[in-house]
Amino acid sequence: MAENIDGKSRPCAEYKAFETAVVLHGKRYRAVVVHSSSHDKRRQKKLNKAIAESAKSIKAALRSQQSVYACEADAMTAAARVEKLSDKLHAVAAAVRSIQIRRRGRPPQNRPAPTNTRYELAWELTENTAGVDRQRRLAGCFVLLSNVPTEGDGALDAARLLRTYKGQYGVESDFAFLKDPLVVNDLFLKTPSRIDALGMVLIIALMVWRLMERSMRAHVQNAKTTLPGWDCRDTIKPTTFMMTTMMTGIMVAIIDGQRFMLRSPGPTQLAFLEALGLGPPAFLDPRYRCTPIIPVRSASKG
């Protein structure tokens, strides 16, 4: 259970976040509630799918339910069982009514045909408006719990806390490279020092990998342009793996210490070279240096 202990929300205009404080297991934490518009679109689509699947599941259960009973008590028990099929997205309302069913055999000529009383179970499936509305409000929202202080050494406000959290994605996604069995399973090292050295080489490789991606995205942002992406679609978020794939086909030959281009880079490859702060001489001149591309920071909103 999380207990709201200050009852106040502090809006963060830049990130559409609200901060409060909670107590979990006797410890106080900062709780930053964040709403993401892009995350909201994905969650809304997922919610619509969940609503359809919920209705389909309940209807299937209702179709298998007996509808006519000889005993009123049995019909009422069935009605209660049917209403328990309700969930947070749909509500099932059940009702029992008596009906008259003519008995078997030839009816008498001078009086009405004899009948038996039966109890018919009817139900109605409706969307749980309150439950669906609550799920739609929650869509796109997530909560960051942190014990990072708001003042003093290492302090972060709500906006910087969110930026730090979002920045972890790039690190975590690339660290999966270190766990790839194809990378580490085929390497056999006997001494701890060699294992340390391999770890350092891999970390440096990841730093270079991320630096190239950062440079390309800074170029896209600064120049307000795009780069060719997968399936010939332009992208504003190029990746290093995308760049290395696009560079396939360039051929360089070394004859008597002199480098020659056997196959020059095409327009797509030149675009990626420019995004890296490089040019065609990078393939021929070992001393060639790139032009650093520094991201232009936009002014904060609010």
Protein backbone atom coordinates (compact mmCIF):
# COMPACT_ATOMS: atom_id res chain seq x y z
CA MET A 1 0.00 0.00 0.00
CA ALA A 2 1.20 3.48 -0.83
CA GLU A 3 0.12 6.28 1.47
CA ASN A 4 0.00 9.86 0.21
CA ILE A 5 1.61 11.80 3.02
CA ASP A 6 1.61 15.38 1.80
CA GLY A 7 -1.51 15.56 -0.35
CA LYS A 8 0.05 18.07 -2.77
CA SER A 9 0.99 17.74 -6.42
CA ARG A 10 3.66 19.84 -8.04
CA PRO A 11 3.21 20.11 -11.82
CA CYS A 12 6.17 19.85 -14.15
CA ALA A 13 5.06 21.69 -17.29
CA GLU A 14 7.89 20.46 -19.50
CA TYR A 15 7.15 16.78 -19.04
CA LYS A 16 3.50 16.83 -17.91
CA ALA A 17 4.46 15.24 -14.62
CA PHE A 18 3.16 15.60 -11.08
CA GLU A 19 5.17 14.84 -8.00
CA THR A 20 4.00 13.78 -4.57
CA ALA A 21 5.36 11.57 -1.79
CA VAL A 22 4.44 8.07 -0.70
CA VAL A 23 5.34 5.68 2.08
CA LEU A 24 6.16 2.09 1.14
CA HIS A 25 6.98 -0.44 3.84
CA GLY A 26 7.70 2.36 6.26
CA LYS A 27 10.06 4.25 3.94
CA ARG A 28 9.39 7.59 2.28
CA TYR A 29 9.83 7.91 -1.50
CA ARG A 30 9.27 10.54 -4.13
CA ALA A 31 6.53 9.57 -6.59
CA VAL A 32 6.60 11.30 -9.98
CA VAL A 33 3.48 10.56 -12.02
CA VAL A 34 4.26 11.06 -15.71
CA HIS A 35 1.93 11.16 -18.70
CA SER A 36 3.48 10.33 -22.07
CA SER A 37 1.50 11.19 -25.20
CA SER A 38 3.28 8.56 -27.33
CA HIS A 39 2.88 5.95 -24.61
CA ASP A 40 -0.78 6.99 -24.33
CA LYS A 41 -1.42 6.12 -28.01
CA ARG A 42 0.03 2.66 -27.56
CA ARG A 43 -1.89 2.05 -24.36
CA GLN A 44 -5.17 3.28 -25.88
CA LYS A 45 -4.75 0.84 -28.75
CA LYS A 46 -3.97 -1.94 -26.29
CA LEU A 47 -7.00 -0.98 -24.19
CA ASN A 48 -9.33 -1.11 -27.20
CA LYS A 49 -8.05 -4.60 -27.95
CA ALA A 50 -8.59 -5.63 -24.34
CA ILE A 51 -12.18 -4.34 -24.43
CA ALA A 52 -12.93 -6.38 -27.55
CA GLU A 53 -11.32 -9.52 -26.11
CA SER A 54 -13.22 -9.08 -22.83
CA ALA A 55 -16.56 -8.85 -24.65
CA LYS A 56 -15.72 -11.88 -26.82
CA SER A 57 -14.75 -13.97 -23.78
CA ILE A 58 -17.90 -13.10 -21.82
CA LYS A 59 -20.18 -13.73 -24.81
CA ALA A 60 -18.61 -17.16 -25.30
CA ALA A 61 -19.30 -18.00 -21.65
CA LEU A 62 -22.88 -16.75 -21.94
CA ARG A 63 -23.56 -18.87 -25.03
CA SER A 64 -22.69 -21.99 -23.07
CA GLN A 65 -25.06 -21.04 -20.24
CA GLN A 66 -28.44 -22.81 -19.91
CA SER A 67 -31.31 -20.38 -20.40
CA VAL A 68 -34.50 -22.24 -19.23
CA TYR A 69 -34.94 -23.87 -15.82
CA ALA A 70 -37.74 -25.87 -14.21
CA CYS A 71 -36.94 -24.51 -10.74
CA GLU A 72 -36.92 -20.82 -9.87
CA ALA A 73 -34.15 -21.32 -7.31
CA ASP A 74 -31.92 -22.89 -9.95
CA ALA A 75 -32.62 -19.99 -12.30
CA MET A 76 -31.73 -17.44 -9.60
CA THR A 77 -28.49 -19.31 -8.84
CA ALA A 78 -27.63 -19.29 -12.53
CA ALA A 79 -28.37 -15.55 -12.71
CA ALA A 80 -25.94 -14.88 -9.88
CA ARG A 81 -23.33 -17.04 -11.59
CA VAL A 82 -23.79 -15.16 -14.86
CA GLU A 83 -23.41 -11.76 -13.19
CA LYS A 84 -20.07 -12.91 -11.76
CA LEU A 85 -18.77 -12.96 -15.33
CA SER A 86 -18.56 -9.17 -15.09
CA ASP A 87 -15.06 -7.69 -15.13
CA LYS A 88 -13.54 -4.21 -14.92
CA LEU A 89 -14.44 -3.53 -18.57
CA HIS A 90 -17.90 -5.08 -18.91
CA ALA A 91 -20.95 -5.66 -16.73
CA VAL A 92 -23.43 -8.49 -17.08
CA ALA A 93 -26.97 -7.90 -15.80
CA ALA A 94 -29.16 -11.03 -15.43
CA ALA A 95 -32.94 -11.30 -14.91
CA VAL A 96 -35.29 -14.25 -14.38
CA ARG A 97 -38.86 -14.29 -15.69
CA SER A 98 -41.50 -16.99 -15.62
CA ILE A 99 -42.87 -18.38 -18.87
CA GLN A 100 -45.60 -20.87 -19.66
CA ILE A 101 -44.74 -23.86 -21.81
CA ARG A 102 -47.55 -26.09 -23.14
CA ARG A 103 -47.44 -29.67 -22.02
CA ARG A 104 -46.89 -32.48 -24.43
CA GLY A 105 -49.80 -34.32 -25.95
CA ARG A 106 -53.07 -33.45 -27.65
CA PRO A 107 -54.72 -30.39 -26.07
CA PRO A 108 -58.33 -30.75 -24.80
CA GLN A 109 -61.11 -29.49 -27.04
CA ASN A 110 -63.20 -27.56 -24.50
CA ARG A 111 -60.53 -25.86 -22.32
CA PRO A 112 -57.13 -24.23 -22.67
CA ALA A 113 -54.14 -26.45 -23.15
CA PRO A 114 -52.39 -27.24 -19.87
CA THR A 115 -49.00 -25.59 -19.33
CA ASN A 116 -45.98 -25.91 -17.10
CA THR A 117 -44.25 -22.95 -15.50
CA ARG A 118 -40.62 -22.54 -16.47
CA TYR A 119 -38.08 -19.85 -15.58
CA GLU A 120 -36.12 -18.19 -18.34
CA LEU A 121 -32.76 -16.56 -17.70
CA ALA A 122 -32.06 -13.41 -19.72
CA TRP A 123 -28.91 -11.33 -19.63
CA GLU A 124 -27.51 -8.11 -21.02
CA LEU A 125 -23.85 -7.33 -21.63
CA THR A 126 -22.88 -3.65 -21.35
CA GLU A 127 -19.59 -1.80 -21.24
CA ASN A 128 -18.51 -0.81 -17.74
CA THR A 129 -18.32 2.92 -18.41
CA ALA A 130 -16.69 3.81 -15.11
CA GLY A 131 -14.08 1.06 -15.42
CA VAL A 132 -13.26 1.86 -19.05
CA ASP A 133 -13.00 5.59 -18.32
CA ARG A 134 -10.60 4.87 -15.47
CA GLN A 135 -8.43 2.69 -17.70
CA ARG A 136 -8.39 5.40 -20.39
CA ARG A 137 -7.28 7.98 -17.82
CA LEU A 138 -4.52 5.67 -16.65
CA ALA A 139 -3.35 4.98 -20.20
CA GLY A 140 -0.06 6.67 -20.90
CA CYS A 141 0.68 7.22 -17.21
CA PHE A 142 3.47 5.64 -15.23
CA VAL A 143 4.98 6.33 -11.82
CA LEU A 144 8.66 6.81 -11.00
CA LEU A 145 9.58 6.00 -7.40
CA SER A 146 12.89 7.40 -6.23
CA ASN A 147 14.80 8.23 -3.08
CA VAL A 148 16.97 10.80 -4.90
CA PRO A 149 16.82 14.00 -2.82
CA THR A 150 15.33 17.25 -4.09
CA GLU A 151 18.01 19.34 -2.37
CA GLY A 152 21.71 18.95 -1.61
CA ASP A 153 24.30 16.69 -3.20
CA GLY A 154 22.97 14.56 -6.05
CA ALA A 155 19.62 16.31 -6.02
CA LEU A 156 17.32 16.06 -9.05
CA ASP A 157 14.04 17.82 -9.69
CA ALA A 158 11.13 15.98 -11.34
CA ALA A 159 12.15 16.96 -14.89
CA ARG A 160 15.78 15.88 -14.48
CA LEU A 161 14.70 12.70 -12.72
CA LEU A 162 12.52 11.83 -15.72
CA ARG A 163 15.31 12.64 -18.20
CA THR A 164 17.70 10.41 -16.24
CA TYR A 165 15.19 7.58 -16.27
CA LYS A 166 14.56 7.93 -20.00
CA GLY A 167 18.29 8.00 -20.67
CA GLN A 168 18.70 4.53 -19.20
CA TYR A 169 16.96 2.96 -22.21
CA GLY A 170 19.85 3.54 -24.59
CA VAL A 171 22.36 2.15 -22.09
CA GLU A 172 20.28 -0.91 -21.19
CA SER A 173 19.44 -1.78 -24.80
CA ASP A 174 23.11 -1.72 -25.80
CA PHE A 175 24.27 -3.65 -22.76
CA ALA A 176 22.31 -6.60 -24.16
CA PHE A 177 25.25 -6.84 -26.57
CA LEU A 178 27.50 -7.88 -23.67
CA LYS A 179 25.14 -10.74 -22.82
CA ASP A 180 24.89 -12.07 -26.35
CA PRO A 181 26.02 -15.73 -26.31
CA LEU A 182 27.57 -15.28 -29.75
CA VAL A 183 29.91 -12.65 -28.29
CA VAL A 184 30.93 -14.08 -24.92
CA ASN A 185 30.39 -17.84 -25.19
CA ASP A 186 33.11 -18.30 -27.80
CA LEU A 187 35.76 -16.52 -25.74
CA PHE A 188 37.78 -18.56 -23.27
CA LEU A 189 39.93 -16.58 -20.85
CA LYS A 190 41.91 -18.19 -18.04
CA THR A 191 43.00 -15.27 -15.85
CA PRO A 192 40.95 -12.55 -14.15
CA SER A 193 43.18 -9.88 -15.69
CA ARG A 194 42.29 -11.00 -19.19
CA ILE A 195 38.60 -11.02 -18.30
CA ASP A 196 38.99 -7.46 -17.00
CA ALA A 197 40.74 -6.45 -20.21
CA LEU A 198 37.97 -7.96 -22.34
CA GLY A 199 35.36 -6.13 -20.30
CA MET A 200 37.18 -2.84 -20.83
CA VAL A 201 37.43 -3.43 -24.59
CA LEU A 202 33.70 -4.19 -24.80
CA ILE A 203 32.81 -1.11 -22.73
CA ILE A 204 34.95 1.13 -24.95
CA ALA A 205 33.33 -0.43 -28.02
CA LEU A 206 29.89 0.34 -26.60
CA MET A 207 30.92 3.93 -25.86
CA VAL A 208 32.05 4.39 -29.48
CA TRP A 209 28.85 2.71 -30.69
CA ARG A 210 26.69 5.10 -28.66
CA LEU A 211 28.82 8.10 -29.64
CA MET A 212 28.24 7.40 -33.34
CA GLU A 213 24.49 7.13 -32.75
CA ARG A 214 24.50 10.35 -30.73
CA SER A 215 26.39 12.15 -33.50
CA MET A 216 23.94 11.02 -36.20
CA ARG A 217 20.89 12.02 -34.18
CA ALA A 218 22.46 15.38 -33.34
CA HIS A 219 23.05 15.97 -37.06
CA VAL A 220 19.41 15.13 -37.83
CA GLN A 221 18.22 17.44 -35.07
CA ASN A 222 20.53 20.33 -35.92
CA ALA A 223 19.93 20.19 -39.67
CA LYS A 224 16.22 19.38 -39.29
CA THR A 225 16.59 16.59 -41.81
CA THR A 226 16.22 12.81 -41.97
CA LEU A 227 18.38 9.82 -42.88
CA PRO A 228 17.46 6.77 -44.94
CA GLY A 229 16.11 4.07 -42.65
CA TRP A 230 14.79 0.55 -42.93
CA ASP A 231 12.64 -0.36 -45.94
CA CYS A 232 13.67 2.88 -47.71
CA ARG A 233 11.79 4.97 -45.12
CA ASP A 234 13.28 8.17 -43.79
CA THR A 235 13.97 8.28 -40.07
CA ILE A 236 14.85 10.88 -37.45
CA LYS A 237 16.26 8.22 -35.11
CA PRO A 238 19.11 6.51 -36.95
CA THR A 239 20.98 3.75 -35.14
CA THR A 240 24.57 2.62 -35.40
CA PHE A 241 23.46 -0.83 -36.52
CA MET A 242 21.45 0.83 -39.30
CA MET A 243 24.52 2.83 -40.34
CA THR A 244 26.82 -0.20 -40.43
CA THR A 245 24.28 -2.07 -42.53
CA MET A 246 24.03 0.82 -45.00
CA MET A 247 27.84 0.89 -45.38
CA THR A 248 27.91 -2.62 -46.85
CA GLY A 249 29.47 -2.73 -50.31
CA ILE A 250 32.25 -0.14 -49.94
CA MET A 251 35.53 -1.68 -51.04
CA VAL A 252 39.05 -0.37 -50.38
CA ALA A 253 42.25 -1.92 -51.72
CA ILE A 254 45.78 -1.31 -50.40
CA ILE A 255 48.52 -1.54 -53.05
CA ASP A 256 52.12 -0.73 -52.07
CA GLY A 257 50.86 1.07 -48.98
CA GLN A 258 48.52 3.24 -51.04
CA ARG A 259 44.75 3.00 -50.55
CA PHE A 260 42.35 2.98 -53.49
CA MET A 261 38.54 3.00 -53.63
CA LEU A 262 37.28 0.02 -55.63
CA ARG A 263 33.67 0.92 -54.94
CA SER A 264 32.88 4.46 -53.84
CA PRO A 265 30.11 5.29 -51.37
CA GLY A 266 26.67 6.03 -52.82
CA PRO A 267 24.21 8.81 -51.85
CA THR A 268 22.86 6.89 -48.83
CA GLN A 269 26.33 6.11 -47.52
CA LEU A 270 27.47 9.71 -48.08
CA ALA A 271 24.47 10.91 -46.05
CA PHE A 272 25.50 8.72 -43.12
CA LEU A 273 29.12 9.83 -43.43
CA GLU A 274 28.01 13.46 -43.22
CA ALA A 275 25.90 12.64 -40.16
CA LEU A 276 29.06 11.23 -38.54
CA GLY A 277 31.06 14.34 -39.37
CA LEU A 278 33.07 12.42 -41.95
CA GLY A 279 33.64 12.36 -45.71
CA PRO A 280 34.93 9.91 -48.34
CA PRO A 281 38.60 10.60 -47.40
CA ALA A 282 37.95 8.69 -44.17
CA PHE A 283 38.36 5.46 -46.15
CA LEU A 284 41.69 6.50 -47.68
CA ASP A 285 43.48 8.61 -45.05
CA PRO A 286 44.25 6.89 -41.71
CA ARG A 287 44.94 10.32 -40.19
CA TYR A 288 41.59 11.72 -41.22
CA ARG A 289 39.66 13.26 -38.35
CA CYS A 290 35.92 13.72 -38.04
CA THR A 291 34.17 17.02 -37.34
CA PRO A 292 32.42 16.71 -33.96
CA ILE A 293 28.67 17.27 -34.09
CA ILE A 294 27.32 18.82 -30.91
CA PRO A 295 23.57 18.67 -30.22
CA VAL A 296 21.86 22.05 -30.08
CA ARG A 297 19.94 22.22 -26.82
CA SER A 298 16.43 23.64 -27.18
CA ALA A 299 15.17 26.12 -24.64
CA SER A 300 13.13 24.60 -21.82
CA LYS A 301 9.38 25.07 -21.93
CA GLY A 302 7.47 26.67 -19.12
